[in-house]
């Protein structure tokens, strides 16, 4: 019963992790992205706001995914 609940939570976390990663904007788009990224680093054009929040959310969800993965592996 409880293992089924943890498995369901794990699946929801996995789907959330996929969705959050897909919502993030790309850091570069080939050679032109690397040139523009270098110019942004020089002139201080770092994007804040939504991308930063999505990055933190991704880290939190990834940690939760790892924890539920370990719990399900250890569970016999």
C-alpha atoms as a PDB file:
ATOM      1  CA  UNK A   1       0.000   0.000   0.000  1.00  0.00           C
ATOM      2  CA  UNK A   2       2.633   2.511   1.085  1.00  0.00           C
ATOM      3  CA  UNK A   3       5.056   1.380  -1.633  1.00  0.00           C
ATOM      4  CA  UNK A   4       2.354   2.042  -4.226  1.00  0.00           C
ATOM      5  CA  UNK A   5       1.895   5.550  -2.862  1.00  0.00           C
ATOM      6  CA  UNK A   6       5.647   6.224  -3.009  1.00  0.00           C
ATOM      7  CA  UNK A   7       5.721   4.872  -6.564  1.00  0.00           C
ATOM      8  CA  UNK A   8       2.857   7.168  -7.583  1.00  0.00           C
ATOM      9  CA  UNK A   9       4.614  10.170  -6.022  1.00  0.00           C
ATOM     10  CA  UNK A  10       7.821   9.145  -7.832  1.00  0.00           C
ATOM     11  CA  UNK A  11       6.012   9.082 -11.183  1.00  0.00           C
ATOM     12  CA  UNK A  12       4.501  12.528 -10.524  1.00  0.00           C
ATOM     13  CA  UNK A  13       7.931  13.893  -9.593  1.00  0.00           C
ATOM     14  CA  UNK A  14       9.426  12.393 -12.768  1.00  0.00           C
ATOM     15  CA  UNK A  15       6.761  14.014 -14.947  1.00  0.00           C
ATOM     16  CA  UNK A  16       7.236  17.317 -13.130  1.00  0.00           C
ATOM     17  CA  UNK A  17      10.995  17.148 -13.699  1.00  0.00           C
ATOM     18  CA  UNK A  18      10.474  16.580 -17.415  1.00  0.00           C
ATOM     19  CA  UNK A  19       8.037  19.490 -17.636  1.00  0.00           C
ATOM     20  CA  UNK A  20      10.284  21.912 -15.734  1.00  0.00           C
ATOM     21  CA  UNK A  21      13.319  21.035 -17.852  1.00  0.00           C
ATOM     22  CA  UNK A  22      11.339  21.556 -21.048  1.00  0.00           C
ATOM     23  CA  UNK A  23      10.086  24.947 -19.840  1.00  0.00           C
ATOM     24  CA  UNK A  24      13.613  26.302 -19.407  1.00  0.00           C
ATOM     25  CA  UNK A  25      15.093  28.391 -22.177  1.00  0.00           C
ATOM     26  CA  UNK A  26      18.179  27.118 -23.946  1.00  0.00           C
ATOM     27  CA  UNK A  27      21.562  28.513 -22.946  1.00  0.00           C
ATOM     28  CA  UNK A  28      22.962  28.432 -26.471  1.00  0.00           C
ATOM     29  CA  UNK A  29      21.874  27.678 -30.000  1.00  0.00           C
ATOM     30  CA  UNK A  30      24.967  26.378 -31.714  1.00  0.00           C
ATOM     31  CA  UNK A  31      27.826  28.651 -32.760  1.00  0.00           C
ATOM     32  CA  UNK A  32      25.753  31.837 -32.868  1.00  0.00           C
ATOM     33  CA  UNK A  33      24.509  31.172 -29.337  1.00  0.00           C
ATOM     34  CA  UNK A  34      28.039  30.777 -28.036  1.00  0.00           C
ATOM     35  CA  UNK A  35      29.071  34.096 -29.596  1.00  0.00           C
ATOM     36  CA  UNK A  36      26.019  35.872 -28.190  1.00  0.00           C
ATOM     37  CA  UNK A  37      26.544  34.185 -24.831  1.00  0.00           C
ATOM     38  CA  UNK A  38      30.090  35.531 -24.698  1.00  0.00           C
ATOM     39  CA  UNK A  39      28.856  39.033 -25.461  1.00  0.00           C
ATOM     40  CA  UNK A  40      26.217  38.769 -22.737  1.00  0.00           C
ATOM     41  CA  UNK A  41      28.866  37.696 -20.241  1.00  0.00           C
ATOM     42  CA  UNK A  42      31.011  40.724 -21.117  1.00  0.00           C
ATOM     43  CA  UNK A  43      28.184  43.248 -21.034  1.00  0.00           C
ATOM     44  CA  UNK A  44      26.355  41.711 -18.068  1.00  0.00           C
ATOM     45  CA  UNK A  45      23.191  40.593 -19.821  1.00  0.00           C
ATOM     46  CA  UNK A  46      22.265  37.801 -17.427  1.00  0.00           C
ATOM     47  CA  UNK A  47      18.601  36.828 -17.543  1.00  0.00           C
ATOM     48  CA  UNK A  48      16.982  36.761 -14.139  1.00  0.00           C
ATOM     49  CA  UNK A  49      13.483  36.068 -13.083  1.00  0.00           C
ATOM     50  CA  UNK A  50      11.702  33.085 -14.507  1.00  0.00           C
ATOM     51  CA  UNK A  51      14.813  31.227 -15.686  1.00  0.00           C
ATOM     52  CA  UNK A  52      16.419  31.557 -12.266  1.00  0.00           C
ATOM     53  CA  UNK A  53      13.269  30.325 -10.517  1.00  0.00           C
ATOM     54  CA  UNK A  54      12.952  27.417 -12.930  1.00  0.00           C
ATOM     55  CA  UNK A  55      16.576  26.503 -12.270  1.00  0.00           C
ATOM     56  CA  UNK A  56      15.977  26.371  -8.521  1.00  0.00           C
ATOM     57  CA  UNK A  57      12.755  24.434  -9.006  1.00  0.00           C
ATOM     58  CA  UNK A  58      14.572  21.957 -11.256  1.00  0.00           C
ATOM     59  CA  UNK A  59      17.223  21.374  -8.591  1.00  0.00           C
ATOM     60  CA  UNK A  60      14.572  20.845  -5.902  1.00  0.00           C
ATOM     61  CA  UNK A  61      12.572  18.410  -8.036  1.00  0.00           C
ATOM     62  CA  UNK A  62      15.746  16.545  -9.075  1.00  0.00           C
ATOM     63  CA  UNK A  63      16.716  16.081  -5.418  1.00  0.00           C
ATOM     64  CA  UNK A  64      13.205  14.811  -4.629  1.00  0.00           C
ATOM     65  CA  UNK A  65      13.460  12.440  -7.614  1.00  0.00           C
ATOM     66  CA  UNK A  66      16.779  11.106  -6.350  1.00  0.00           C
ATOM     67  CA  UNK A  67      15.423  10.594  -2.847  1.00  0.00           C
ATOM     68  CA  UNK A  68      12.334   8.729  -4.037  1.00  0.00           C
ATOM     69  CA  UNK A  69      14.525   6.652  -6.358  1.00  0.00           C
ATOM     70  CA  UNK A  70      16.760   5.619  -3.477  1.00  0.00           C
ATOM     71  CA  UNK A  71      13.759   4.851  -1.263  1.00  0.00           C
ATOM     72  CA  UNK A  72      12.266   2.614  -3.954  1.00  0.00           C
ATOM     73  CA  UNK A  73      15.595   0.825  -4.530  1.00  0.00           C
ATOM     74  CA  UNK A  74      16.175   0.148  -0.843  1.00  0.00           C
ATOM     75  CA  UNK A  75      12.575  -0.910  -0.291  1.00  0.00           C
ATOM     76  CA  UNK A  76      12.221  -4.685  -0.569  1.00  0.00           C
END
